[in-house]
Amino acid sequence: MNLIVIKYFLLIGAVLASTAVVTGPMNPQTFFTDPGNGNISADSVYQFGSDTFYKEIDKPGNEYMKTSVEGYSPALIPTDRMEQNFQDQWVVGVGRFKSGYSGSTGAVFELAALPQMTDQNEKVAVCTKLHISRSEIIGSIDNFTAAKASATPGSSHGFTIGMVIPRIEQINSEAEDEEIACMQAVLADRNHNPAEFSRNLESADSHVREMRRIYPELGVLSDDFKNA
């Protein structure tokens, strides 16, 4: 797809969106709502730009661009309702993710102390905590996906959410592998196999280190992720 065409539609949207603070006879909002101009309105122009943009993307050869806007709102200009929904989903998503991340990265210390535990249920509970923490991360992905559906690909929110989701999915993948390593470590301990236990403990720790490596990238994207 011709990038000039994309920029053209985005530019029109940005210009129209900015007219809310423009006054005087040259205000395009006034022009579009003038009864003498028939049924033309700013909303109809927004819709036209959005429809044309996505029709162009659906044409053969534009697969890359189609993928880049996948999951976003089909509207190029965000509404107040979209903005509010984005914020609501974002706040919940950040809270759930940070809770799940903290639980996933902290449980490795309990896993290391597992051989000293005498209660079998207590040992199994270590992996249960990991499972609950990962469920929180998965839940946060649902929230962030819903937030993305209320964002437009050309907005700052759209850019942020588009960069955040892949990194959280990476962290979730590492948390899943950590949970598996935990279960295998518990089994090795039950079978009195210290070598296998150590191997799985090391594996779990390596996944935690990778989560910690990725996390600062989220802090660069948004201050909401700092100080987890």
C-alpha atoms as a PDB file:
ATOM      1  CA  MET A   1       0.000   0.000   0.000  1.00  0.00           C
ATOM      2  CA  ASN A   2       1.210   3.503  -0.823  1.00  0.00           C
ATOM      3  CA  LEU A   3       2.401   5.011   2.462  1.00  0.00           C
ATOM      4  CA  ILE A   4       1.533   8.461   1.122  1.00  0.00           C
ATOM      5  CA  VAL A   5      -2.100   7.371   0.979  1.00  0.00           C
ATOM      6  CA  ILE A   6      -1.952   6.166   4.598  1.00  0.00           C
ATOM      7  CA  LYS A   7      -0.345   9.397   5.769  1.00  0.00           C
ATOM      8  CA  TYR A   8      -2.963  11.356   3.822  1.00  0.00           C
ATOM      9  CA  PHE A   9      -5.875   9.753   5.652  1.00  0.00           C
ATOM     10  CA  LEU A  10      -4.127  10.030   9.009  1.00  0.00           C
ATOM     11  CA  LEU A  11      -3.360  13.682   8.311  1.00  0.00           C
ATOM     12  CA  ILE A  12      -6.986  14.412   7.456  1.00  0.00           C
ATOM     13  CA  GLY A  13      -8.054  12.745  10.685  1.00  0.00           C
ATOM     14  CA  ALA A  14      -5.537  14.713  12.724  1.00  0.00           C
ATOM     15  CA  VAL A  15      -6.551  18.005  11.114  1.00  0.00           C
ATOM     16  CA  LEU A  16     -10.231  17.348  11.659  1.00  0.00           C
ATOM     17  CA  ALA A  17      -9.675  16.272  15.241  1.00  0.00           C
ATOM     18  CA  SER A  18      -7.779  19.479  15.954  1.00  0.00           C
ATOM     19  CA  THR A  19     -10.568  21.723  14.710  1.00  0.00           C
ATOM     20  CA  ALA A  20     -12.384  21.478  18.039  1.00  0.00           C
ATOM     21  CA  VAL A  21     -10.102  24.266  19.315  1.00  0.00           C
ATOM     22  CA  VAL A  22     -10.261  26.390  16.169  1.00  0.00           C
ATOM     23  CA  THR A  23     -12.617  29.352  16.066  1.00  0.00           C
ATOM     24  CA  GLY A  24     -13.740  31.752  13.381  1.00  0.00           C
ATOM     25  CA  PRO A  25     -15.167  31.390   9.875  1.00  0.00           C
ATOM     26  CA  MET A  26     -12.368  29.059   8.733  1.00  0.00           C
ATOM     27  CA  ASN A  27     -13.303  26.352  11.282  1.00  0.00           C
ATOM     28  CA  PRO A  28     -13.809  23.131   9.219  1.00  0.00           C
ATOM     29  CA  GLN A  29     -16.185  21.842  11.902  1.00  0.00           C
ATOM     30  CA  THR A  30     -18.438  24.792  11.163  1.00  0.00           C
ATOM     31  CA  PHE A  31     -18.108  24.127   7.471  1.00  0.00           C
ATOM     32  CA  PHE A  32     -19.037  20.464   7.780  1.00  0.00           C
ATOM     33  CA  THR A  33     -22.060  21.179   9.979  1.00  0.00           C
ATOM     34  CA  ASP A  34     -23.339  24.082   7.882  1.00  0.00           C
ATOM     35  CA  PRO A  35     -26.876  23.197   6.719  1.00  0.00           C
ATOM     36  CA  GLY A  36     -26.010  24.697   3.363  1.00  0.00           C
ATOM     37  CA  ASN A  37     -23.562  21.858   2.790  1.00  0.00           C
ATOM     38  CA  GLY A  38     -26.188  19.113   2.911  1.00  0.00           C
ATOM     39  CA  ASN A  39     -25.587  16.182   5.260  1.00  0.00           C
ATOM     40  CA  ILE A  40     -21.791  16.415   5.359  1.00  0.00           C
ATOM     41  CA  SER A  41     -20.458  16.299   8.898  1.00  0.00           C
ATOM     42  CA  ALA A  42     -17.109  15.825  10.570  1.00  0.00           C
ATOM     43  CA  ASP A  43     -18.224  12.369  11.713  1.00  0.00           C
ATOM     44  CA  SER A  44     -19.043  11.348   8.158  1.00  0.00           C
ATOM     45  CA  VAL A  45     -15.596  12.489   6.999  1.00  0.00           C
ATOM     46  CA  TYR A  46     -13.979  10.508   9.824  1.00  0.00           C
ATOM     47  CA  GLN A  47     -15.959   7.455   8.788  1.00  0.00           C
ATOM     48  CA  PHE A  48     -15.072   7.956   5.119  1.00  0.00           C
ATOM     49  CA  GLY A  49     -11.380   8.170   5.945  1.00  0.00           C
ATOM     50  CA  SER A  50     -11.552   5.055   8.119  1.00  0.00           C
ATOM     51  CA  ASP A  51     -13.499   3.048   5.563  1.00  0.00           C
ATOM     52  CA  THR A  52     -11.166   4.047   2.729  1.00  0.00           C
ATOM     53  CA  PHE A  53      -8.078   3.274   4.811  1.00  0.00           C
ATOM     54  CA  TYR A  54      -9.224  -0.254   5.660  1.00  0.00           C
ATOM     55  CA  LYS A  55     -10.443  -0.930   2.111  1.00  0.00           C
ATOM     56  CA  GLU A  56      -6.959  -0.086   0.865  1.00  0.00           C
ATOM     57  CA  ILE A  57      -5.382  -2.364   3.471  1.00  0.00           C
ATOM     58  CA  ASP A  58      -7.568  -5.280   2.372  1.00  0.00           C
ATOM     59  CA  LYS A  59      -6.109  -5.158  -1.143  1.00  0.00           C
ATOM     60  CA  PRO A  60      -3.479  -7.764  -2.163  1.00  0.00           C
ATOM     61  CA  GLY A  61       0.069  -6.754  -1.354  1.00  0.00           C
ATOM     62  CA  ASN A  62      -0.830  -4.922   1.824  1.00  0.00           C
ATOM     63  CA  GLU A  63      -0.561  -7.910   4.147  1.00  0.00           C
ATOM     64  CA  TYR A  64       2.150  -6.278   6.240  1.00  0.00           C
ATOM     65  CA  MET A  65       0.075  -3.169   6.884  1.00  0.00           C
ATOM     66  CA  LYS A  66      -2.994  -5.290   7.587  1.00  0.00           C
ATOM     67  CA  THR A  67      -1.072  -7.188  10.237  1.00  0.00           C
ATOM     68  CA  SER A  68       0.212  -3.965  11.783  1.00  0.00           C
ATOM     69  CA  VAL A  69      -3.334  -2.679  12.447  1.00  0.00           C
ATOM     70  CA  GLU A  70      -4.761  -6.027  13.531  1.00  0.00           C
ATOM     71  CA  GLY A  71      -6.613  -5.836  16.831  1.00  0.00           C
ATOM     72  CA  TYR A  72      -7.017  -2.072  16.770  1.00  0.00           C
ATOM     73  CA  SER A  73     -10.278  -0.166  16.522  1.00  0.00           C
ATOM     74  CA  PRO A  74     -11.490   0.193  12.914  1.00  0.00           C
ATOM     75  CA  ALA A  75     -11.973   3.923  13.586  1.00  0.00           C
ATOM     76  CA  LEU A  76      -9.014   6.163  12.839  1.00  0.00           C
ATOM     77  CA  ILE A  77     -10.228   8.936  15.147  1.00  0.00           C
ATOM     78  CA  PRO A  78     -10.768   7.909  18.796  1.00  0.00           C
ATOM     79  CA  THR A  79     -13.954   8.939  20.590  1.00  0.00           C
ATOM     80  CA  ASP A  80     -14.244   9.950  24.247  1.00  0.00           C
ATOM     81  CA  ARG A  81     -15.845   6.591  24.965  1.00  0.00           C
ATOM     82  CA  MET A  82     -12.919   4.768  23.358  1.00  0.00           C
ATOM     83  CA  GLU A  83     -10.454   6.810  25.381  1.00  0.00           C
ATOM     84  CA  GLN A  84     -12.284   6.027  28.625  1.00  0.00           C
ATOM     85  CA  ASN A  85     -12.484   2.316  27.843  1.00  0.00           C
ATOM     86  CA  PHE A  86      -8.784   2.281  27.000  1.00  0.00           C
ATOM     87  CA  GLN A  87      -7.915   3.853  30.332  1.00  0.00           C
ATOM     88  CA  ASP A  88     -10.210   1.520  32.282  1.00  0.00           C
ATOM     89  CA  GLN A  89      -8.760  -1.612  30.668  1.00  0.00           C
ATOM     90  CA  TRP A  90      -5.214  -0.280  30.908  1.00  0.00           C
ATOM     91  CA  VAL A  91      -5.392   0.415  34.647  1.00  0.00           C
ATOM     92  CA  VAL A  92      -6.825  -3.035  35.422  1.00  0.00           C
ATOM     93  CA  GLY A  93      -4.343  -4.700  33.072  1.00  0.00           C
ATOM     94  CA  VAL A  94      -1.322  -3.014  34.646  1.00  0.00           C
ATOM     95  CA  GLY A  95      -2.469  -3.987  38.146  1.00  0.00           C
ATOM     96  CA  ARG A  96      -3.084  -7.626  37.239  1.00  0.00           C
ATOM     97  CA  PHE A  97       0.169  -7.917  35.331  1.00  0.00           C
ATOM     98  CA  LYS A  98       2.330  -6.441  38.084  1.00  0.00           C
ATOM     99  CA  SER A  99       0.691  -8.754  40.616  1.00  0.00           C
ATOM    100  CA  GLY A 100       1.306 -11.796  38.415  1.00  0.00           C
ATOM    101  CA  TYR A 101       4.847 -10.739  37.578  1.00  0.00           C
ATOM    102  CA  SER A 102       5.731 -10.225  41.234  1.00  0.00           C
ATOM    103  CA  GLY A 103       4.359 -13.646  42.158  1.00  0.00           C
ATOM    104  CA  SER A 104       6.117 -15.392  39.285  1.00  0.00           C
ATOM    105  CA  THR A 105       9.516 -13.882  39.943  1.00  0.00           C
ATOM    106  CA  GLY A 106       9.306 -14.258  43.731  1.00  0.00           C
ATOM    107  CA  ALA A 107       8.266 -17.908  43.818  1.00  0.00           C
ATOM    108  CA  VAL A 108      11.669 -19.123  42.646  1.00  0.00           C
ATOM    109  CA  PHE A 109      13.068 -18.390  46.126  1.00  0.00           C
ATOM    110  CA  GLU A 110      10.422 -20.632  47.689  1.00  0.00           C
ATOM    111  CA  LEU A 111      11.221 -23.311  45.125  1.00  0.00           C
ATOM    112  CA  ALA A 112      14.896 -23.220  46.121  1.00  0.00           C
ATOM    113  CA  ALA A 113      13.885 -23.924  49.730  1.00  0.00           C
ATOM    114  CA  LEU A 114      11.598 -26.791  48.770  1.00  0.00           C
ATOM    115  CA  PRO A 115      13.944 -29.663  49.874  1.00  0.00           C
ATOM    116  CA  GLN A 116      13.845 -28.256  53.415  1.00  0.00           C
ATOM    117  CA  MET A 117      10.049 -28.359  53.537  1.00  0.00           C
ATOM    118  CA  THR A 118       8.506 -31.331  55.324  1.00  0.00           C
ATOM    119  CA  ASP A 119       4.873 -30.904  54.292  1.00  0.00           C
ATOM    120  CA  GLN A 120       4.143 -32.265  50.813  1.00  0.00           C
ATOM    121  CA  ASN A 121       1.179 -29.945  50.421  1.00  0.00           C
ATOM    122  CA  GLU A 122       3.437 -27.013  51.176  1.00  0.00           C
ATOM    123  CA  LYS A 123       5.754 -28.121  48.380  1.00  0.00           C
ATOM    124  CA  VAL A 124       2.920 -28.420  45.877  1.00  0.00           C
ATOM    125  CA  ALA A 125       1.628 -25.010  46.985  1.00  0.00           C
ATOM    126  CA  VAL A 126       4.771 -23.383  45.549  1.00  0.00           C
ATOM    127  CA  CYS A 127       3.747 -24.385  42.037  1.00  0.00           C
ATOM    128  CA  THR A 128       0.124 -23.510  42.768  1.00  0.00           C
ATOM    129  CA  LYS A 129       1.215 -19.966  43.580  1.00  0.00           C
ATOM    130  CA  LEU A 130       3.040 -19.840  40.269  1.00  0.00           C
ATOM    131  CA  HIS A 131      -0.083 -21.011  38.447  1.00  0.00           C
ATOM    132  CA  ILE A 132      -2.197 -18.324  40.126  1.00  0.00           C
ATOM    133  CA  SER A 133       0.384 -15.665  39.292  1.00  0.00           C
ATOM    134  CA  ARG A 134       0.491 -16.712  35.655  1.00  0.00           C
ATOM    135  CA  SER A 135      -3.315 -16.594  35.550  1.00  0.00           C
ATOM    136  CA  GLU A 136      -3.035 -12.946  36.552  1.00  0.00           C
ATOM    137  CA  ILE A 137      -0.613 -12.298  33.684  1.00  0.00           C
ATOM    138  CA  ILE A 138      -2.947 -14.046  31.242  1.00  0.00           C
ATOM    139  CA  GLY A 139      -5.838 -11.969  32.565  1.00  0.00           C
ATOM    140  CA  SER A 140      -3.828  -8.799  32.025  1.00  0.00           C
ATOM    141  CA  ILE A 141      -3.283  -9.770  28.386  1.00  0.00           C
ATOM    142  CA  ASP A 142      -7.075  -9.919  27.997  1.00  0.00           C
ATOM    143  CA  ASN A 143      -7.330  -6.407  29.460  1.00  0.00           C
ATOM    144  CA  PHE A 144      -4.584  -5.048  27.234  1.00  0.00           C
ATOM    145  CA  THR A 145      -6.162  -6.680  24.187  1.00  0.00           C
ATOM    146  CA  ALA A 146      -9.463  -4.977  25.038  1.00  0.00           C
ATOM    147  CA  ALA A 147      -7.595  -1.696  25.462  1.00  0.00           C
ATOM    148  CA  LYS A 148      -6.007  -2.141  22.038  1.00  0.00           C
ATOM    149  CA  ALA A 149      -9.457  -2.599  20.506  1.00  0.00           C
ATOM    150  CA  SER A 150     -10.280   0.891  21.808  1.00  0.00           C
ATOM    151  CA  ALA A 151      -7.112   2.455  20.399  1.00  0.00           C
ATOM    152  CA  THR A 152      -6.329   3.657  16.910  1.00  0.00           C
ATOM    153  CA  PRO A 153      -3.110   2.557  15.190  1.00  0.00           C
ATOM    154  CA  GLY A 154      -1.972   6.128  14.620  1.00  0.00           C
ATOM    155  CA  SER A 155      -2.358   7.333  18.225  1.00  0.00           C
ATOM    156  CA  SER A 156       0.191   7.417  21.044  1.00  0.00           C
ATOM    157  CA  HIS A 157      -2.013   4.975  22.981  1.00  0.00           C
ATOM    158  CA  GLY A 158      -2.033   2.720  19.946  1.00  0.00           C
ATOM    159  CA  PHE A 159       1.745   2.753  19.700  1.00  0.00           C
ATOM    160  CA  THR A 160       2.197   2.021  23.406  1.00  0.00           C
ATOM    161  CA  ILE A 161      -0.270  -0.855  23.597  1.00  0.00           C
ATOM    162  CA  GLY A 162       1.129  -2.301  20.373  1.00  0.00           C
ATOM    163  CA  MET A 163       4.578  -2.477  21.966  1.00  0.00           C
ATOM    164  CA  VAL A 164       3.422  -3.582  25.417  1.00  0.00           C
ATOM    165  CA  ILE A 165       1.380  -6.665  24.488  1.00  0.00           C
ATOM    166  CA  PRO A 166       4.202  -8.611  22.744  1.00  0.00           C
ATOM    167  CA  ARG A 167       6.518  -8.103  25.715  1.00  0.00           C
ATOM    168  CA  ILE A 168       3.905  -9.240  28.199  1.00  0.00           C
ATOM    169  CA  GLU A 169       3.246 -12.281  26.028  1.00  0.00           C
ATOM    170  CA  GLN A 170       6.987 -13.025  26.162  1.00  0.00           C
ATOM    171  CA  ILE A 171       6.959 -12.757  29.940  1.00  0.00           C
ATOM    172  CA  ASN A 172       3.893 -14.999  30.110  1.00  0.00           C
ATOM    173  CA  SER A 173       5.690 -17.606  28.024  1.00  0.00           C
ATOM    174  CA  GLU A 174       8.642 -17.536  30.422  1.00  0.00           C
ATOM    175  CA  ALA A 175       6.259 -17.778  33.393  1.00  0.00           C
ATOM    176  CA  GLU A 176       4.641 -20.843  31.833  1.00  0.00           C
ATOM    177  CA  ASP A 177       8.017 -22.530  31.401  1.00  0.00           C
ATOM    178  CA  GLU A 178       8.895 -21.618  34.988  1.00  0.00           C
ATOM    179  CA  GLU A 179       5.685 -23.264  36.198  1.00  0.00           C
ATOM    180  CA  ILE A 180       6.529 -26.440  34.277  1.00  0.00           C
ATOM    181  CA  ALA A 181      10.054 -26.455  35.727  1.00  0.00           C
ATOM    182  CA  CYS A 182       8.555 -26.046  39.191  1.00  0.00           C
ATOM    183  CA  MET A 183       6.297 -29.078  38.793  1.00  0.00           C
ATOM    184  CA  GLN A 184       9.199 -31.142  37.517  1.00  0.00           C
ATOM    185  CA  ALA A 185      11.333 -29.990  40.455  1.00  0.00           C
ATOM    186  CA  VAL A 186       8.635 -31.053  42.926  1.00  0.00           C
ATOM    187  CA  LEU A 187       8.453 -34.451  41.245  1.00  0.00           C
ATOM    188  CA  ALA A 188      12.246 -34.822  41.375  1.00  0.00           C
ATOM    189  CA  ASP A 189      12.230 -33.967  45.058  1.00  0.00           C
ATOM    190  CA  ARG A 190       9.515 -36.543  45.680  1.00  0.00           C
ATOM    191  CA  ASN A 191      11.633 -39.142  43.881  1.00  0.00           C
ATOM    192  CA  HIS A 192      14.693 -38.171  45.966  1.00  0.00           C
ATOM    193  CA  ASN A 193      16.607 -37.092  42.868  1.00  0.00           C
ATOM    194  CA  PRO A 194      18.643 -34.007  43.911  1.00  0.00           C
ATOM    195  CA  ALA A 195      20.452 -33.758  40.581  1.00  0.00           C
ATOM    196  CA  GLU A 196      17.169 -33.550  38.651  1.00  0.00           C
ATOM    197  CA  PHE A 197      15.784 -31.129  41.217  1.00  0.00           C
ATOM    198  CA  SER A 198      18.795 -28.838  40.799  1.00  0.00           C
ATOM    199  CA  ARG A 199      18.485 -28.963  37.026  1.00  0.00           C
ATOM    200  CA  ASN A 200      14.840 -27.892  37.137  1.00  0.00           C
ATOM    201  CA  LEU A 201      15.537 -25.240  39.766  1.00  0.00           C
ATOM    202  CA  GLU A 202      18.189 -23.791  37.483  1.00  0.00           C
ATOM    203  CA  SER A 203      15.728 -23.904  34.590  1.00  0.00           C
ATOM    204  CA  ALA A 204      13.090 -22.051  36.624  1.00  0.00           C
ATOM    205  CA  ASP A 205      15.657 -19.457  37.660  1.00  0.00           C
ATOM    206  CA  SER A 206      16.733 -18.902  34.050  1.00  0.00           C
ATOM    207  CA  HIS A 207      13.120 -18.147  33.067  1.00  0.00           C
ATOM    208  CA  VAL A 208      12.847 -15.670  35.941  1.00  0.00           C
ATOM    209  CA  ARG A 209      16.056 -13.957  34.806  1.00  0.00           C
ATOM    210  CA  GLU A 210      14.608 -13.636  31.312  1.00  0.00           C
ATOM    211  CA  MET A 211      11.403 -12.104  32.716  1.00  0.00           C
ATOM    212  CA  ARG A 212      13.498  -9.608  34.628  1.00  0.00           C
ATOM    213  CA  ARG A 213      15.473  -8.816  31.491  1.00  0.00           C
ATOM    214  CA  ILE A 214      12.311  -8.033  29.523  1.00  0.00           C
ATOM    215  CA  TYR A 215      10.496  -6.079  32.234  1.00  0.00           C
ATOM    216  CA  PRO A 216      12.568  -2.836  32.021  1.00  0.00           C
ATOM    217  CA  GLU A 217      11.454  -2.504  28.394  1.00  0.00           C
ATOM    218  CA  LEU A 218       7.906  -2.049  29.701  1.00  0.00           C
ATOM    219  CA  GLY A 219       9.142   0.721  32.006  1.00  0.00           C
ATOM    220  CA  VAL A 220      10.521   2.536  28.961  1.00  0.00           C
ATOM    221  CA  LEU A 221       7.112   2.357  27.282  1.00  0.00           C
ATOM    222  CA  SER A 222       5.131   3.543  30.302  1.00  0.00           C
ATOM    223  CA  ASP A 223       5.916   4.853  33.768  1.00  0.00           C
ATOM    224  CA  ASP A 224       3.047   2.681  35.038  1.00  0.00           C
ATOM    225  CA  PHE A 225       5.358  -0.335  34.841  1.00  0.00           C
ATOM    226  CA  LYS A 226       8.137   1.144  36.903  1.00  0.00           C
ATOM    227  CA  ASN A 227       8.814  -0.024  40.461  1.00  0.00           C
ATOM    228  CA  ALA A 228       7.189  -3.455  40.109  1.00  0.00           C
END
